[in-house]
Protein backbone atom coordinates (compact mmCIF):
# COMPACT_ATOMS: atom_id res chain seq x y z
CA MET A 1 0.00 0.00 0.00
CA LYS A 2 1.52 3.31 -1.05
CA VAL A 3 -1.15 5.61 0.41
CA ASN A 4 -0.43 6.93 3.90
CA TYR A 5 -3.79 7.60 5.53
CA ARG A 6 -2.27 8.63 8.89
CA SER A 7 -0.01 11.46 7.79
CA GLY A 8 -0.37 14.59 5.73
CA SER A 9 1.81 15.38 2.74
CA ALA A 10 4.25 17.48 4.80
CA LEU A 11 5.06 14.52 7.06
CA VAL A 12 5.33 12.12 4.12
CA ALA A 13 7.79 14.52 2.43
CA ALA A 14 9.78 14.86 5.67
CA GLY A 15 10.00 11.08 5.87
CA ARG A 16 11.44 10.97 2.36
CA ALA A 17 13.98 13.64 3.29
CA VAL A 18 15.10 11.89 6.48
CA LEU A 19 15.36 8.49 4.81
CA LYS A 20 16.99 10.00 1.71
CA LYS A 21 14.87 7.59 -0.28
CA ASP A 22 11.54 7.82 -2.07
CA ARG A 23 9.57 4.64 -1.44
CA GLY A 24 6.60 5.91 -3.41
CA TYR A 25 4.37 6.78 -0.44
CA HIS A 26 1.97 9.69 -0.62
CA ALA A 27 -0.72 11.19 1.57
CA ALA A 28 -4.31 10.22 0.98
CA PRO A 29 -5.83 12.15 -1.92
CA GLY A 30 -8.12 14.94 -0.81
CA ARG A 31 -6.66 15.13 2.69
CA ASP A 32 -7.08 18.70 3.91
CA ASP A 33 -4.53 18.56 6.76
CA ILE A 34 -1.02 18.53 5.27
CA GLY A 35 0.49 18.39 8.76
CA ALA A 36 3.22 20.51 10.26
CA VAL A 37 6.89 19.66 10.37
CA THR A 38 9.48 21.36 12.54
CA ILE A 39 13.09 20.68 11.63
CA LEU A 40 15.52 21.33 14.42
CA SER A 41 19.24 21.80 14.07
CA VAL A 42 21.27 20.48 16.97
CA VAL A 43 24.99 21.00 17.41
CA GLY A 44 26.59 18.07 19.17
CA GLY A 45 26.59 14.32 19.21
CA ILE A 46 23.93 11.70 19.47
CA ASP A 47 23.22 12.28 23.17
CA THR A 48 22.74 16.00 22.54
CA HIS A 49 20.31 15.23 19.72
CA ALA A 50 18.38 12.83 21.92
CA ALA A 51 18.20 15.23 24.88
CA ARG A 52 16.98 18.08 22.64
CA THR A 53 14.33 15.82 21.11
CA ALA A 54 13.03 14.83 24.56
CA GLU A 55 12.98 18.51 25.58
CA VAL A 56 10.94 19.48 22.51
CA LEU A 57 8.54 16.59 23.04
CA LYS A 58 7.92 17.61 26.65
CA LYS A 59 7.25 21.22 25.59
CA ARG A 60 4.85 20.15 22.84
CA LEU A 61 2.95 17.85 25.19
CA ALA A 62 2.84 20.56 27.90
CA THR A 63 1.19 22.95 25.43
CA GLY A 64 -1.56 20.44 24.74
CA VAL A 65 -0.39 18.77 21.54
CA PRO A 66 -1.82 15.23 21.69
CA PRO A 67 0.88 12.53 21.71
CA GLU A 68 -0.70 10.85 18.70
CA ASP A 69 -0.09 14.04 16.70
CA ILE A 70 3.68 13.91 17.22
CA ALA A 71 6.20 11.87 15.28
CA VAL A 72 9.96 11.73 15.68
CA LEU A 73 11.67 10.82 12.44
CA TYR A 74 15.06 9.11 12.39
CA ARG A 75 16.95 7.50 9.55
CA SER A 76 17.60 3.99 10.88
CA ARG A 77 17.93 1.78 13.90
CA GLY A 78 21.18 2.04 15.77
CA PRO A 79 22.89 4.39 18.21
CA LEU A 80 20.64 7.40 17.50
CA LEU A 81 17.44 5.41 18.03
CA ASP A 82 18.90 3.90 21.21
CA ALA A 83 19.77 7.38 22.52
CA LEU A 84 16.35 8.75 21.54
CA THR A 85 14.59 5.88 23.30
CA ALA A 86 16.68 6.34 26.45
CA ALA A 87 16.16 10.13 26.53
CA ILE A 88 12.40 9.82 25.97
CA GLN A 89 12.11 7.19 28.69
CA ALA A 90 14.26 9.25 31.09
CA ALA A 91 11.96 12.22 30.48
CA ARG A 92 9.01 9.96 31.38
CA ILE A 93 7.34 10.52 28.03
CA ARG A 94 5.07 7.64 27.12
CA PRO A 95 5.15 6.74 23.44
CA SER A 96 1.83 6.76 21.64
CA THR A 97 0.87 4.02 19.24
CA ALA A 98 -2.17 5.87 17.94
CA LYS A 99 -2.65 5.90 14.20
CA SER A 100 -2.58 9.62 13.59
CA SER A 101 0.33 11.96 12.99
CA ALA A 102 -0.18 15.55 12.01
CA ALA A 103 3.01 17.09 13.43
CA ALA A 104 6.54 15.84 13.40
CA THR A 105 9.91 16.71 14.77
CA ALA A 106 12.56 15.60 12.32
CA VAL A 107 15.86 14.74 13.91
CA PRO A 108 18.57 14.27 11.29
CA SER A 109 21.10 11.66 12.24
CA PRO A 110 24.61 12.96 12.77
CA THR A 111 26.93 12.17 9.91
């Protein structure tokens, strides 16, 4: 299935950018909500990226953004995902498994 019913076109495009690969996915035709994507630049290593991501998530949740409307994009499994998971857990942020994502925080992996 190449139609993403959960995410707007902005999030689908951000996913392509983070993965550096077009897998042919697109948002559902006629979807009014394109979503919102915030790209953050972080100077530092993996742990700095992870801590900043957890900080942004906490702020978004504190302002009332529903957890199911937040996505954190990362390129692949490995050290960055491990650091993100640890930072999110340390911040006591519960991951949502809801099937809706309108906003995303894209965290580019350090190169």
